Amino acid sequence: MMQHPRLYSTSSDYVYFGLRDRIANRELKPKERLLEVKIASEMGVSRTPVREALRRLANEGLVKIVPNSGARVASPSPEEMESAYSVREYLENLSVELACLNGLDKRAVENIESALAAEENACGSGDIDAFLEADSAFHRLIAESGRNQVLCEHIDSIMKRTHVFVFFSGCFEEERKSCVAEHRAILRAIAKRDRESAQKKMKEHLVHTYNSLAAAEEKGI
């Protein structure tokens, strides 16, 4: 899995991205213990940036920190995934409805097209971080077009929650085959203010994504 070269401004960033890449590449397995002393020694840093990095990863759902037990790589259950996607489907349905109601201005369309171009580039290079960032941008921009700030915040939150499953499922290769085309179909429907079609295409997109994740989970990828 390719990653763009990074410049680290802090030791915490260095540890954070290093561990995040190892989780994405499945070098660190679900439920594996993450010992601060061991990580600090391997990465040539003190324990403080390791602790900070683990907290950041925990906020993203990639790591679980249990009091008096330490940190472990997260291990999302199929039930968690199903619940998260049920909530996301509800939120995205409302997001599309409001976007169709308010319409997309020229700037919104340009920003969404820019996100799709970034997503396409990430798919071509195999950069999962860039892909997930562009994917989030697409869905967030649609929510912003609906002009409901509370909904935007919930969309951001549920996107972070569901992106965790992409890391642990190993289905990125499957996702990048169809994601951009599905997003473009959603955009076309919203641009026409065709609420019924836009909601249908968004639901199909989410169902396809969920089914890919569930299939990967069953295979134990």
N, C-alpha and C. Protein backbone atom coordinates (compact mmCIF):
# COMPACT_ATOMS: atom_id res chain seq x y z
N MET A 1 0.84 -1.18 0.00
CA MET A 1 0.00 0.00 0.00
C MET A 1 0.89 1.24 0.00
N MET A 2 0.80 2.07 -1.01
CA MET A 2 1.69 3.21 -1.13
C MET A 2 1.25 4.33 -0.21
N GLN A 3 2.21 5.07 0.29
CA GLN A 3 1.95 6.25 1.09
C GLN A 3 2.83 7.38 0.58
N HIS A 4 2.31 8.61 0.61
CA HIS A 4 3.11 9.75 0.22
C HIS A 4 4.18 10.03 1.27
N PRO A 5 5.38 10.46 0.90
CA PRO A 5 6.40 10.84 1.88
C PRO A 5 5.86 11.95 2.76
N ARG A 6 6.18 11.92 4.04
CA ARG A 6 5.68 12.92 4.97
C ARG A 6 6.81 13.65 5.66
N LEU A 7 6.56 14.90 6.00
CA LEU A 7 7.47 15.66 6.85
C LEU A 7 6.79 15.77 8.21
N TYR A 8 7.48 15.36 9.25
CA TYR A 8 6.90 15.34 10.58
C TYR A 8 7.33 16.57 11.37
N SER A 9 6.36 17.33 11.87
CA SER A 9 6.68 18.53 12.64
C SER A 9 6.96 18.20 14.10
N THR A 10 6.45 17.06 14.57
CA THR A 10 6.67 16.67 15.96
C THR A 10 6.95 15.17 16.04
N SER A 11 7.52 14.76 17.17
CA SER A 11 7.76 13.33 17.39
C SER A 11 6.45 12.58 17.48
N SER A 12 5.43 13.24 18.02
CA SER A 12 4.11 12.61 18.13
C SER A 12 3.54 12.29 16.76
N ASP A 13 3.71 13.22 15.80
CA ASP A 13 3.26 12.97 14.42
C ASP A 13 3.99 11.77 13.83
N TYR A 14 5.27 11.71 14.06
CA TYR A 14 6.10 10.62 13.54
C TYR A 14 5.58 9.27 14.04
N VAL A 15 5.31 9.20 15.34
CA VAL A 15 4.83 7.94 15.92
C VAL A 15 3.40 7.65 15.44
N TYR A 16 2.57 8.68 15.42
CA TYR A 16 1.17 8.52 15.01
C TYR A 16 1.06 7.95 13.60
N PHE A 17 1.74 8.59 12.64
CA PHE A 17 1.64 8.12 11.26
C PHE A 17 2.32 6.76 11.09
N GLY A 18 3.39 6.54 11.83
CA GLY A 18 4.07 5.24 11.74
C GLY A 18 3.17 4.11 12.19
N LEU A 19 2.52 4.29 13.33
CA LEU A 19 1.61 3.25 13.85
C LEU A 19 0.37 3.12 12.96
N ARG A 20 -0.12 4.26 12.49
CA ARG A 20 -1.31 4.24 11.64
C ARG A 20 -1.05 3.46 10.35
N ASP A 21 0.11 3.68 9.75
CA ASP A 21 0.47 2.93 8.54
C ASP A 21 0.60 1.44 8.82
N ARG A 22 1.16 1.11 9.96
CA ARG A 22 1.34 -0.31 10.30
C ARG A 22 -0.01 -0.99 10.56
N ILE A 23 -0.96 -0.24 11.09
CA ILE A 23 -2.30 -0.79 11.27
C ILE A 23 -2.97 -0.97 9.92
N ALA A 24 -2.84 0.06 9.05
CA ALA A 24 -3.45 -0.01 7.71
C ALA A 24 -2.87 -1.15 6.90
N ASN A 25 -1.56 -1.39 7.04
CA ASN A 25 -0.89 -2.46 6.31
C ASN A 25 -1.04 -3.82 6.98
N ARG A 26 -1.73 -3.80 8.11
CA ARG A 26 -2.00 -5.01 8.90
C ARG A 26 -0.73 -5.66 9.44
N GLU A 27 0.32 -4.85 9.62
CA GLU A 27 1.51 -5.33 10.32
C GLU A 27 1.21 -5.46 11.81
N LEU A 28 0.33 -4.58 12.29
CA LEU A 28 -0.17 -4.67 13.66
C LEU A 28 -1.58 -5.25 13.58
N LYS A 29 -1.81 -6.35 14.25
CA LYS A 29 -3.07 -7.08 14.13
C LYS A 29 -4.10 -6.60 15.15
N PRO A 30 -5.39 -6.77 14.85
CA PRO A 30 -6.43 -6.46 15.82
C PRO A 30 -6.18 -7.16 17.16
N LYS A 31 -6.37 -6.42 18.25
CA LYS A 31 -6.20 -6.87 19.63
C LYS A 31 -4.74 -6.95 20.07
N GLU A 32 -3.80 -6.68 19.15
CA GLU A 32 -2.38 -6.75 19.53
C GLU A 32 -2.04 -5.64 20.52
N ARG A 33 -1.27 -5.99 21.56
CA ARG A 33 -0.89 -5.00 22.57
C ARG A 33 0.11 -4.01 22.01
N LEU A 34 -0.04 -2.77 22.43
CA LEU A 34 0.85 -1.70 21.99
C LEU A 34 1.56 -1.17 23.22
N LEU A 35 2.75 -1.67 23.47
CA LEU A 35 3.50 -1.31 24.66
C LEU A 35 4.28 -0.02 24.42
N GLU A 36 4.06 0.96 25.26
CA GLU A 36 4.69 2.26 25.09
C GLU A 36 6.22 2.15 25.08
N VAL A 37 6.77 1.39 26.02
CA VAL A 37 8.22 1.26 26.12
C VAL A 37 8.80 0.63 24.85
N LYS A 38 8.15 -0.41 24.35
CA LYS A 38 8.63 -1.09 23.16
C LYS A 38 8.57 -0.18 21.94
N ILE A 39 7.44 0.53 21.78
CA ILE A 39 7.28 1.42 20.63
C ILE A 39 8.30 2.55 20.69
N ALA A 40 8.49 3.11 21.88
CA ALA A 40 9.45 4.20 22.05
C ALA A 40 10.85 3.75 21.67
N SER A 41 11.21 2.54 22.08
CA SER A 41 12.54 2.02 21.77
C SER A 41 12.70 1.77 20.27
N GLU A 42 11.68 1.17 19.65
CA GLU A 42 11.74 0.86 18.22
C GLU A 42 11.81 2.12 17.35
N MET A 43 11.13 3.19 17.80
CA MET A 43 11.05 4.40 16.98
C MET A 43 12.02 5.49 17.42
N GLY A 44 12.78 5.20 18.46
CA GLY A 44 13.81 6.14 18.89
C GLY A 44 13.28 7.43 19.48
N VAL A 45 12.18 7.34 20.23
CA VAL A 45 11.59 8.52 20.87
C VAL A 45 11.33 8.21 22.34
N SER A 46 10.91 9.23 23.08
CA SER A 46 10.54 9.02 24.48
C SER A 46 9.11 8.49 24.54
N ARG A 47 8.64 8.17 25.74
CA ARG A 47 7.30 7.61 25.88
C ARG A 47 6.21 8.67 25.70
N THR A 48 6.54 9.93 25.93
CA THR A 48 5.52 10.98 25.85
C THR A 48 4.89 11.09 24.46
N PRO A 49 5.66 11.19 23.37
CA PRO A 49 5.02 11.24 22.04
C PRO A 49 4.30 9.94 21.69
N VAL A 50 4.75 8.82 22.22
CA VAL A 50 4.05 7.55 21.98
C VAL A 50 2.67 7.61 22.63
N ARG A 51 2.64 8.11 23.87
CA ARG A 51 1.37 8.22 24.58
C ARG A 51 0.41 9.16 23.84
N GLU A 52 0.94 10.26 23.34
CA GLU A 52 0.11 11.22 22.60
C GLU A 52 -0.42 10.61 21.30
N ALA A 53 0.43 9.87 20.61
CA ALA A 53 0.03 9.23 19.36
C ALA A 53 -1.05 8.18 19.60
N LEU A 54 -0.92 7.43 20.67
CA LEU A 54 -1.91 6.40 20.98
C LEU A 54 -3.26 7.03 21.30
N ARG A 55 -3.25 8.17 21.96
CA ARG A 55 -4.51 8.86 22.25
C ARG A 55 -5.18 9.32 20.96
N ARG A 56 -4.39 9.84 20.03
CA ARG A 56 -4.94 10.27 18.74
C ARG A 56 -5.55 9.09 17.99
N LEU A 57 -4.86 7.98 18.00
CA LEU A 57 -5.36 6.78 17.31
C LEU A 57 -6.62 6.26 18.00
N ALA A 58 -6.68 6.40 19.32
CA ALA A 58 -7.87 5.97 20.05
C ALA A 58 -9.06 6.85 19.69
N ASN A 59 -8.82 8.15 19.51
CA ASN A 59 -9.91 9.06 19.12
C ASN A 59 -10.47 8.71 17.75
N GLU A 60 -9.64 8.11 16.91
CA GLU A 60 -10.09 7.70 15.57
C GLU A 60 -10.73 6.31 15.57
N GLY A 61 -10.62 5.62 16.70
CA GLY A 61 -11.19 4.28 16.78
C GLY A 61 -10.25 3.18 16.34
N LEU A 62 -8.99 3.52 16.05
CA LEU A 62 -8.03 2.51 15.60
C LEU A 62 -7.35 1.79 16.75
N VAL A 63 -7.40 2.39 17.92
CA VAL A 63 -6.76 1.82 19.11
C VAL A 63 -7.74 1.90 20.27
N LYS A 64 -7.69 0.91 21.12
CA LYS A 64 -8.49 0.91 22.34
C LYS A 64 -7.55 1.05 23.52
N ILE A 65 -7.83 2.03 24.39
CA ILE A 65 -7.03 2.22 25.60
C ILE A 65 -7.90 1.85 26.80
N VAL A 66 -7.47 0.83 27.53
CA VAL A 66 -8.22 0.35 28.68
C VAL A 66 -7.46 0.72 29.95
N PRO A 67 -8.10 1.42 30.89
CA PRO A 67 -7.43 1.80 32.13
C PRO A 67 -6.81 0.58 32.84
N ASN A 68 -5.60 0.74 33.29
CA ASN A 68 -4.86 -0.30 34.02
C ASN A 68 -4.52 -1.52 33.17
N SER A 69 -4.77 -1.41 31.86
CA SER A 69 -4.46 -2.53 30.97
C SER A 69 -3.58 -2.10 29.81
N GLY A 70 -3.66 -0.83 29.44
CA GLY A 70 -2.84 -0.33 28.33
C GLY A 70 -3.59 -0.27 27.02
N ALA A 71 -2.84 -0.12 25.95
CA ALA A 71 -3.42 0.07 24.62
C ALA A 71 -3.31 -1.19 23.78
N ARG A 72 -4.32 -1.39 22.95
CA ARG A 72 -4.32 -2.49 21.99
C ARG A 72 -4.89 -1.98 20.67
N VAL A 73 -4.51 -2.63 19.59
CA VAL A 73 -5.12 -2.33 18.31
C VAL A 73 -6.60 -2.71 18.41
N ALA A 74 -7.46 -1.85 17.90
CA ALA A 74 -8.90 -2.10 17.99
C ALA A 74 -9.29 -3.34 17.20
N SER A 75 -10.44 -3.87 17.53
CA SER A 75 -10.96 -5.05 16.84
C SER A 75 -12.47 -4.89 16.67
N PRO A 76 -12.89 -4.07 15.67
CA PRO A 76 -14.31 -3.79 15.49
C PRO A 76 -15.10 -5.07 15.20
N SER A 77 -16.27 -5.18 15.80
CA SER A 77 -17.11 -6.36 15.59
C SER A 77 -18.05 -6.14 14.41
N PRO A 78 -18.57 -7.22 13.82
CA PRO A 78 -19.56 -7.09 12.74
C PRO A 78 -20.79 -6.31 13.19
N GLU A 79 -21.15 -6.46 14.47
CA GLU A 79 -22.32 -5.76 15.01
C GLU A 79 -22.07 -4.24 15.03
N GLU A 80 -20.86 -3.85 15.41
CA GLU A 80 -20.51 -2.43 15.41
C GLU A 80 -20.59 -1.85 14.00
N MET A 81 -20.09 -2.61 13.04
CA MET A 81 -20.09 -2.15 11.66
C MET A 81 -21.52 -1.98 11.15
N GLU A 82 -22.37 -2.96 11.42
CA GLU A 82 -23.76 -2.88 10.97
C GLU A 82 -24.47 -1.69 11.60
N SER A 83 -24.24 -1.47 12.89
CA SER A 83 -24.87 -0.36 13.59
C SER A 83 -24.40 0.98 13.04
N ALA A 84 -23.09 1.09 12.80
CA ALA A 84 -22.53 2.34 12.29
C ALA A 84 -23.10 2.67 10.91
N TYR A 85 -23.20 1.67 10.05
CA TYR A 85 -23.71 1.93 8.71
C TYR A 85 -25.21 2.20 8.70
N SER A 86 -25.93 1.66 9.66
CA SER A 86 -27.36 1.98 9.77
C SER A 86 -27.54 3.45 10.11
N VAL A 87 -26.73 3.95 11.03
CA VAL A 87 -26.78 5.37 11.40
C VAL A 87 -26.33 6.24 10.24
N ARG A 88 -25.26 5.82 9.57
CA ARG A 88 -24.74 6.61 8.46
C ARG A 88 -25.77 6.71 7.33
N GLU A 89 -26.47 5.62 7.05
CA GLU A 89 -27.47 5.64 5.98
C GLU A 89 -28.55 6.67 6.29
N TYR A 90 -28.96 6.72 7.54
CA TYR A 90 -29.99 7.67 7.95
C TYR A 90 -29.50 9.11 7.78
N LEU A 91 -28.28 9.38 8.24
CA LEU A 91 -27.71 10.73 8.15
C LEU A 91 -27.47 11.16 6.71
N GLU A 92 -26.94 10.24 5.91
CA GLU A 92 -26.65 10.58 4.50
C GLU A 92 -27.94 10.80 3.71
N ASN A 93 -28.98 10.10 4.06
CA ASN A 93 -30.27 10.28 3.40
C ASN A 93 -30.77 11.71 3.62
N LEU A 94 -30.66 12.19 4.87
CA LEU A 94 -31.06 13.56 5.19
C LEU A 94 -30.13 14.56 4.51
N SER A 95 -28.84 14.26 4.49
CA SER A 95 -27.86 15.15 3.86
C SER A 95 -28.18 15.37 2.39
N VAL A 96 -28.48 14.31 1.68
CA VAL A 96 -28.82 14.40 0.26
C VAL A 96 -30.13 15.16 0.06
N GLU A 97 -31.09 14.90 0.92
CA GLU A 97 -32.38 15.60 0.81
C GLU A 97 -32.20 17.12 0.92
N LEU A 98 -31.43 17.55 1.92
CA LEU A 98 -31.21 18.98 2.13
C LEU A 98 -30.38 19.59 1.01
N ALA A 99 -29.41 18.83 0.50
CA ALA A 99 -28.58 19.33 -0.61
C ALA A 99 -29.44 19.55 -1.85
N CYS A 100 -30.37 18.64 -2.11
CA CYS A 100 -31.26 18.79 -3.26
C CYS A 100 -32.22 19.96 -3.06
N LEU A 101 -32.66 20.15 -1.83
CA LEU A 101 -33.58 21.24 -1.53
C LEU A 101 -32.91 22.60 -1.73
N ASN A 102 -31.65 22.72 -1.28
CA ASN A 102 -30.94 23.99 -1.36
C ASN A 102 -30.21 24.20 -2.69
N GLY A 103 -29.89 23.10 -3.36
CA GLY A 103 -29.16 23.18 -4.62
C GLY A 103 -27.67 23.39 -4.42
N LEU A 104 -26.91 23.18 -5.47
CA LEU A 104 -25.46 23.33 -5.43
C LEU A 104 -25.05 24.57 -6.22
N ASP A 105 -24.34 25.49 -5.56
CA ASP A 105 -23.85 26.65 -6.31
C ASP A 105 -22.55 26.28 -7.03
N LYS A 106 -22.06 27.20 -7.83
CA LYS A 106 -20.88 26.93 -8.65
C LYS A 106 -19.68 26.53 -7.80
N ARG A 107 -19.47 27.23 -6.68
CA ARG A 107 -18.33 26.94 -5.83
C ARG A 107 -18.44 25.55 -5.22
N ALA A 108 -19.64 25.16 -4.80
CA ALA A 108 -19.84 23.83 -4.22
C ALA A 108 -19.50 22.74 -5.23
N VAL A 109 -19.96 22.91 -6.46
CA VAL A 109 -19.68 21.92 -7.52
C VAL A 109 -18.18 21.84 -7.76
N GLU A 110 -17.50 22.98 -7.82
CA GLU A 110 -16.05 22.98 -8.04
C GLU A 110 -15.32 22.26 -6.91
N ASN A 111 -15.74 22.51 -5.67
CA ASN A 111 -15.11 21.86 -4.52
C ASN A 111 -15.34 20.35 -4.53
N ILE A 112 -16.55 19.95 -4.89
CA ILE A 112 -16.85 18.52 -4.94
C ILE A 112 -16.07 17.85 -6.07
N GLU A 113 -15.98 18.52 -7.22
CA GLU A 113 -15.20 17.97 -8.34
C GLU A 113 -13.73 17.84 -7.94
N SER A 114 -13.23 18.79 -7.18
CA SER A 114 -11.85 18.73 -6.70
C SER A 114 -11.65 17.53 -5.78
N ALA A 115 -12.63 17.28 -4.92
CA ALA A 115 -12.55 16.12 -4.02
C ALA A 115 -12.57 14.82 -4.81
N LEU A 116 -13.38 14.77 -5.86
CA LEU A 116 -13.46 13.57 -6.70
C LEU A 116 -12.16 13.35 -7.46
N ALA A 117 -11.54 14.43 -7.91
CA ALA A 117 -10.26 14.30 -8.61
C ALA A 117 -9.19 13.77 -7.66
N ALA A 118 -9.19 14.27 -6.43
CA ALA A 118 -8.23 13.79 -5.43
C ALA A 118 -8.48 12.32 -5.10
N GLU A 119 -9.75 11.95 -5.05
CA GLU A 119 -10.11 10.56 -4.77
C GLU A 119 -9.64 9.65 -5.91
N GLU A 120 -9.82 10.11 -7.13
CA GLU A 120 -9.40 9.34 -8.30
C GLU A 120 -7.89 9.14 -8.30
N ASN A 121 -7.15 10.20 -7.98
CA ASN A 121 -5.69 10.10 -7.90
C ASN A 121 -5.26 9.13 -6.81
N ALA A 122 -5.93 9.18 -5.67
CA ALA A 122 -5.60 8.30 -4.56
C ALA A 122 -5.88 6.85 -4.93
N CYS A 123 -6.97 6.63 -5.67
CA CYS A 123 -7.28 5.26 -6.11
C CYS A 123 -6.19 4.74 -7.04
N GLY A 124 -5.71 5.61 -7.91
CA GLY A 124 -4.67 5.21 -8.85
C GLY A 124 -3.35 4.90 -8.18
N SER A 125 -3.03 5.65 -7.13
CA SER A 125 -1.74 5.45 -6.46
C SER A 125 -1.82 4.43 -5.33
N GLY A 126 -3.04 4.09 -4.92
CA GLY A 126 -3.18 3.13 -3.82
C GLY A 126 -2.93 3.75 -2.46
N ASP A 127 -3.10 5.07 -2.35
CA ASP A 127 -2.85 5.77 -1.09
C ASP A 127 -4.13 5.80 -0.27
N ILE A 128 -4.22 4.95 0.75
CA ILE A 128 -5.45 4.84 1.51
C ILE A 128 -5.75 6.09 2.31
N ASP A 129 -4.72 6.76 2.85
CA ASP A 129 -4.96 7.97 3.61
C ASP A 129 -5.56 9.07 2.74
N ALA A 130 -4.99 9.26 1.56
CA ALA A 130 -5.50 10.28 0.64
C ALA A 130 -6.90 9.92 0.17
N PHE A 131 -7.16 8.64 -0.04
CA PHE A 131 -8.48 8.17 -0.46
C PHE A 131 -9.53 8.49 0.59
N LEU A 132 -9.23 8.15 1.84
CA LEU A 132 -10.20 8.38 2.91
C LEU A 132 -10.42 9.87 3.15
N GLU A 133 -9.38 10.66 2.99
CA GLU A 133 -9.50 12.10 3.14
C GLU A 133 -10.42 12.68 2.05
N ALA A 134 -10.22 12.23 0.82
CA ALA A 134 -11.05 12.71 -0.29
C ALA A 134 -12.49 12.21 -0.15
N ASP A 135 -12.64 10.99 0.30
CA ASP A 135 -13.97 10.41 0.51
C ASP A 135 -14.73 11.23 1.55
N SER A 136 -14.05 11.57 2.65
CA SER A 136 -14.67 12.40 3.69
C SER A 136 -15.06 13.76 3.14
N ALA A 137 -14.17 14.34 2.33
CA ALA A 137 -14.43 15.66 1.77
C ALA A 137 -15.69 15.65 0.90
N PHE A 138 -15.85 14.61 0.08
CA PHE A 138 -17.03 14.50 -0.78
C PHE A 138 -18.31 14.52 0.03
N HIS A 139 -18.38 13.65 1.04
CA HIS A 139 -19.60 13.55 1.84
C HIS A 139 -19.82 14.78 2.71
N ARG A 140 -18.75 15.38 3.20
CA ARG A 140 -18.88 16.59 4.01
C ARG A 140 -19.38 17.76 3.17
N LEU A 141 -18.89 17.89 1.95
CA LEU A 141 -19.31 18.98 1.08
C LEU A 141 -20.79 18.88 0.71
N ILE A 142 -21.27 17.67 0.54
CA ILE A 142 -22.70 17.49 0.30
C ILE A 142 -23.49 17.95 1.51
N ALA A 143 -23.03 17.55 2.69
CA ALA A 143 -23.71 17.95 3.93
C ALA A 143 -23.69 19.47 4.09
N GLU A 144 -22.56 20.10 3.77
CA GLU A 144 -22.45 21.56 3.88
C GLU A 144 -23.43 22.26 2.95
N SER A 145 -23.70 21.64 1.81
CA SER A 145 -24.65 22.23 0.87
C SER A 145 -26.06 22.25 1.45
N GLY A 146 -26.32 21.38 2.39
CA GLY A 146 -27.63 21.34 3.04
C GLY A 146 -27.81 22.41 4.09
N ARG A 147 -26.69 23.08 4.46
CA ARG A 147 -26.74 24.24 5.37
C ARG A 147 -27.28 23.88 6.76
N ASN A 148 -26.90 22.73 7.24
CA ASN A 148 -27.27 22.33 8.60
C ASN A 148 -25.99 21.94 9.33
N GLN A 149 -25.49 22.81 10.18
CA GLN A 149 -24.19 22.61 10.81
C GLN A 149 -24.17 21.38 11.72
N VAL A 150 -25.25 21.13 12.42
CA VAL A 150 -25.30 19.96 13.30
C VAL A 150 -25.18 18.68 12.48
N LEU A 151 -25.87 18.64 11.35
CA LEU A 151 -25.77 17.48 10.47
C LEU A 151 -24.35 17.31 9.97
N CYS A 152 -23.69 18.41 9.60
CA CYS A 152 -22.30 18.35 9.12
C CYS A 152 -21.40 17.71 10.17
N GLU A 153 -21.58 18.10 11.42
CA GLU A 153 -20.77 17.55 12.50
C GLU A 153 -21.01 16.05 12.67
N HIS A 154 -22.27 15.64 12.53
CA HIS A 154 -22.58 14.21 12.65
C HIS A 154 -22.04 13.42 11.46
N ILE A 155 -22.07 14.02 10.27
CA ILE A 155 -21.51 13.36 9.09
C ILE A 155 -20.02 13.14 9.27
N ASP A 156 -19.32 14.18 9.76
CA ASP A 156 -17.88 14.05 10.01
C ASP A 156 -17.61 12.92 10.99
N SER A 157 -18.39 12.86 12.05
CA SER A 157 -18.20 11.85 13.09
C SER A 157 -18.44 10.43 12.57
N ILE A 158 -19.52 10.24 11.82
CA ILE A 158 -19.84 8.89 11.35
C ILE A 158 -18.88 8.46 10.25
N MET A 159 -18.34 9.42 9.48
CA MET A 159 -17.35 9.07 8.47
C MET A 159 -16.08 8.52 9.14
N LYS A 160 -15.64 9.17 10.20
CA LYS A 160 -14.46 8.68 10.92
C LYS A 160 -14.73 7.28 11.47
N ARG A 161 -15.92 7.08 11.97
CA ARG A 161 -16.29 5.78 12.55
C ARG A 161 -16.28 4.68 11.50
N THR A 162 -16.85 4.95 10.33
CA THR A 162 -16.92 3.90 9.31
C THR A 162 -15.60 3.70 8.57
N HIS A 163 -14.76 4.74 8.51
CA HIS A 163 -13.46 4.57 7.87
C HIS A 163 -12.57 3.60 8.63
N VAL A 164 -12.81 3.47 9.92
CA VAL A 164 -12.06 2.49 10.72
C VAL A 164 -12.20 1.10 10.12
N PHE A 165 -13.40 0.78 9.64
CA PHE A 165 -13.65 -0.57 9.12
C PHE A 165 -12.85 -0.83 7.84
N VAL A 166 -12.60 0.22 7.06
CA VAL A 166 -11.79 0.05 5.85
C VAL A 166 -10.37 -0.37 6.24
N PHE A 167 -9.83 0.24 7.30
CA PHE A 167 -8.50 -0.13 7.76
C PHE A 167 -8.43 -1.60 8.14
N PHE A 168 -9.44 -2.08 8.86
CA PHE A 168 -9.37 -3.43 9.39
C PHE A 168 -9.89 -4.50 8.45
N SER A 169 -10.61 -4.11 7.40
CA SER A 169 -11.18 -5.11 6.51
C SER A 169 -10.23 -5.52 5.40
N GLY A 170 -9.35 -4.59 5.00
CA GLY A 170 -8.46 -4.88 3.88
C GLY A 170 -9.18 -4.85 2.54
N CYS A 171 -10.34 -4.15 2.46
CA CYS A 171 -11.10 -4.16 1.20
C CYS A 171 -10.88 -2.88 0.39
N PHE A 172 -9.80 -2.17 0.66
CA PHE A 172 -9.54 -0.92 -0.08
C PHE A 172 -9.46 -1.16 -1.58
N GLU A 173 -8.87 -2.27 -1.99
CA GLU A 173 -8.74 -2.56 -3.42
C GLU A 173 -10.11 -2.65 -4.07
N GLU A 174 -11.06 -3.28 -3.38
CA GLU A 174 -12.41 -3.40 -3.91
C GLU A 174 -13.11 -2.05 -3.93
N GLU A 175 -12.91 -1.27 -2.86
CA GLU A 175 -13.56 0.02 -2.73
C GLU A 175 -13.19 0.97 -3.86
N ARG A 176 -11.90 1.00 -4.20
CA ARG A 176 -11.46 2.01 -5.16
C ARG A 176 -11.88 1.70 -6.59
N LYS A 177 -12.41 0.51 -6.83
CA LYS A 177 -12.86 0.16 -8.17
C LYS A 177 -14.13 0.90 -8.56
N SER A 178 -14.99 1.16 -7.60
CA SER A 178 -16.31 1.70 -7.93
C SER A 178 -16.67 2.99 -7.22
N CYS A 179 -15.91 3.39 -6.22
CA CYS A 179 -16.30 4.51 -5.38
C CYS A 179 -16.46 5.82 -6.15
N VAL A 180 -15.51 6.16 -6.99
CA VAL A 180 -15.57 7.43 -7.71
C VAL A 180 -16.78 7.47 -8.64
N ALA A 181 -17.03 6.39 -9.35
CA ALA A 181 -18.18 6.34 -10.27
C ALA A 181 -19.49 6.50 -9.49
N GLU A 182 -19.58 5.86 -8.34
CA GLU A 182 -20.79 5.97 -7.52
C GLU A 182 -20.95 7.40 -7.00
N HIS A 183 -19.86 8.01 -6.60
CA HIS A 183 -19.92 9.39 -6.13
C HIS A 183 -20.36 10.34 -7.25
N ARG A 184 -19.86 10.12 -8.44
CA ARG A 184 -20.23 10.99 -9.56
C ARG A 184 -21.72 10.85 -9.88
N ALA A 185 -22.24 9.65 -9.76
CA ALA A 185 -23.67 9.43 -10.01
C ALA A 185 -24.51 10.18 -8.97
N ILE A 186 -24.06 10.17 -7.73
CA ILE A 186 -24.76 10.90 -6.66
C ILE A 186 -24.72 12.40 -6.95
N LEU A 187 -23.55 12.89 -7.35
CA LEU A 187 -23.40 14.32 -7.65
C LEU A 187 -24.31 14.75 -8.78
N ARG A 188 -24.39 13.95 -9.83
CA ARG A 188 -25.25 14.30 -10.97
C ARG A 188 -26.71 14.43 -10.54
N ALA A 189 -27.15 13.50 -9.70
CA ALA A 189 -28.54 13.53 -9.25
C ALA A 189 -28.81 14.76 -8.37
N ILE A 190 -27.86 15.09 -7.49
CA ILE A 190 -28.05 16.27 -6.63
C ILE A 190 -28.04 17.54 -7.48
N ALA A 191 -27.15 17.61 -8.47
CA ALA A 191 -27.07 18.78 -9.34
C ALA A 191 -28.39 19.03 -10.07
N LYS A 192 -29.09 17.94 -10.36
CA LYS A 192 -30.40 18.05 -11.03
C LYS A 192 -31.52 18.29 -10.02
N ARG A 193 -31.14 18.26 -8.72
CA ARG A 193 -32.10 18.39 -7.62
C ARG A 193 -33.15 17.30 -7.66
N ASP A 194 -32.71 16.11 -8.09
CA ASP A 194 -33.56 14.93 -8.16
C ASP A 194 -33.40 14.17 -6.84
N ARG A 195 -34.18 14.55 -5.86
CA ARG A 195 -34.03 13.99 -4.51
C ARG A 195 -34.18 12.47 -4.48
N GLU A 196 -35.20 11.97 -5.12
CA GLU A 196 -35.46 10.53 -5.09
C GLU A 196 -34.29 9.74 -5.67
N SER A 197 -33.79 10.18 -6.81
CA SER A 197 -32.67 9.49 -7.45
C SER A 197 -31.40 9.62 -6.62
N ALA A 198 -31.15 10.81 -6.09
CA ALA A 198 -29.94 11.04 -5.29
C ALA A 198 -29.93 10.17 -4.03
N GLN A 199 -31.08 10.10 -3.37
CA GLN A 199 -31.17 9.28 -2.16
C GLN A 199 -31.01 7.80 -2.49
N LYS A 200 -31.58 7.39 -3.61
CA LYS A 200 -31.46 5.99 -4.03
C LYS A 200 -30.01 5.65 -4.33
N LYS A 201 -29.31 6.54 -5.04
CA LYS A 201 -27.91 6.27 -5.40
C LYS A 201 -27.00 6.31 -4.17
N MET A 202 -27.32 7.19 -3.22
CA MET A 202 -26.53 7.23 -1.99
C MET A 202 -26.72 5.92 -1.21
N LYS A 203 -27.96 5.46 -1.12
CA LYS A 203 -28.22 4.21 -0.40
C LYS A 203 -27.50 3.04 -1.08
N GLU A 204 -27.56 2.98 -2.40
CA GLU A 204 -26.88 1.91 -3.13
C GLU A 204 -25.38 1.95 -2.88
N HIS A 205 -24.82 3.16 -2.84
CA HIS A 205 -23.39 3.34 -2.58
C HIS A 205 -23.02 2.80 -1.19
N LEU A 206 -23.82 3.16 -0.19
CA LEU A 206 -23.53 2.73 1.18
C LEU A 206 -23.73 1.22 1.34
N VAL A 207 -24.75 0.68 0.71
CA VAL A 207 -24.99 -0.77 0.78
C VAL A 207 -23.83 -1.52 0.13
N HIS A 208 -23.37 -1.01 -1.01
CA HIS A 208 -22.25 -1.66 -1.71
C HIS A 208 -20.99 -1.63 -0.84
N THR A 209 -20.74 -0.47 -0.22
CA THR A 209 -19.57 -0.34 0.64
C THR A 209 -19.67 -1.28 1.83
N TYR A 210 -20.83 -1.30 2.47
CA TYR A 210 -21.03 -2.17 3.63
C TYR A 210 -20.87 -3.64 3.24
N ASN A 211 -21.45 -4.04 2.12
CA ASN A 211 -21.35 -5.44 1.69
C ASN A 211 -19.91 -5.84 1.39
N SER A 212 -19.12 -4.91 0.83
CA SER A 212 -17.70 -5.20 0.57
C SER A 212 -16.95 -5.42 1.88
N LEU A 213 -17.25 -4.58 2.87
CA LEU A 213 -16.62 -4.70 4.17
C LEU A 213 -17.02 -6.00 4.85
N ALA A 214 -18.33 -6.32 4.79
CA ALA A 214 -18.82 -7.54 5.44
C ALA A 214 -18.23 -8.79 4.79
N ALA A 215 -18.11 -8.77 3.46
CA ALA A 215 -17.54 -9.92 2.74
C ALA A 215 -16.07 -10.10 3.13
N ALA A 216 -15.34 -8.99 3.25
CA ALA A 216 -13.93 -9.07 3.65
C ALA A 216 -13.81 -9.61 5.07
N GLU A 217 -14.74 -9.18 5.92
CA GLU A 217 -14.73 -9.65 7.32
C GLU A 217 -14.97 -11.15 7.38
N GLU A 218 -15.90 -11.66 6.59
CA GLU A 218 -16.21 -13.09 6.58
C GLU A 218 -15.02 -13.92 6.09
N LYS A 219 -14.29 -13.35 5.11
CA LYS A 219 -13.12 -14.06 4.58
C LYS A 219 -11.93 -13.97 5.50
N GLY A 220 -12.02 -13.06 6.49
CA GLY A 220 -10.92 -12.89 7.42
C GLY A 220 -9.73 -12.23 6.81
N ILE A 221 -9.98 -11.30 5.84
CA ILE A 221 -8.89 -10.59 5.17
C ILE A 221 -8.19 -9.67 6.17
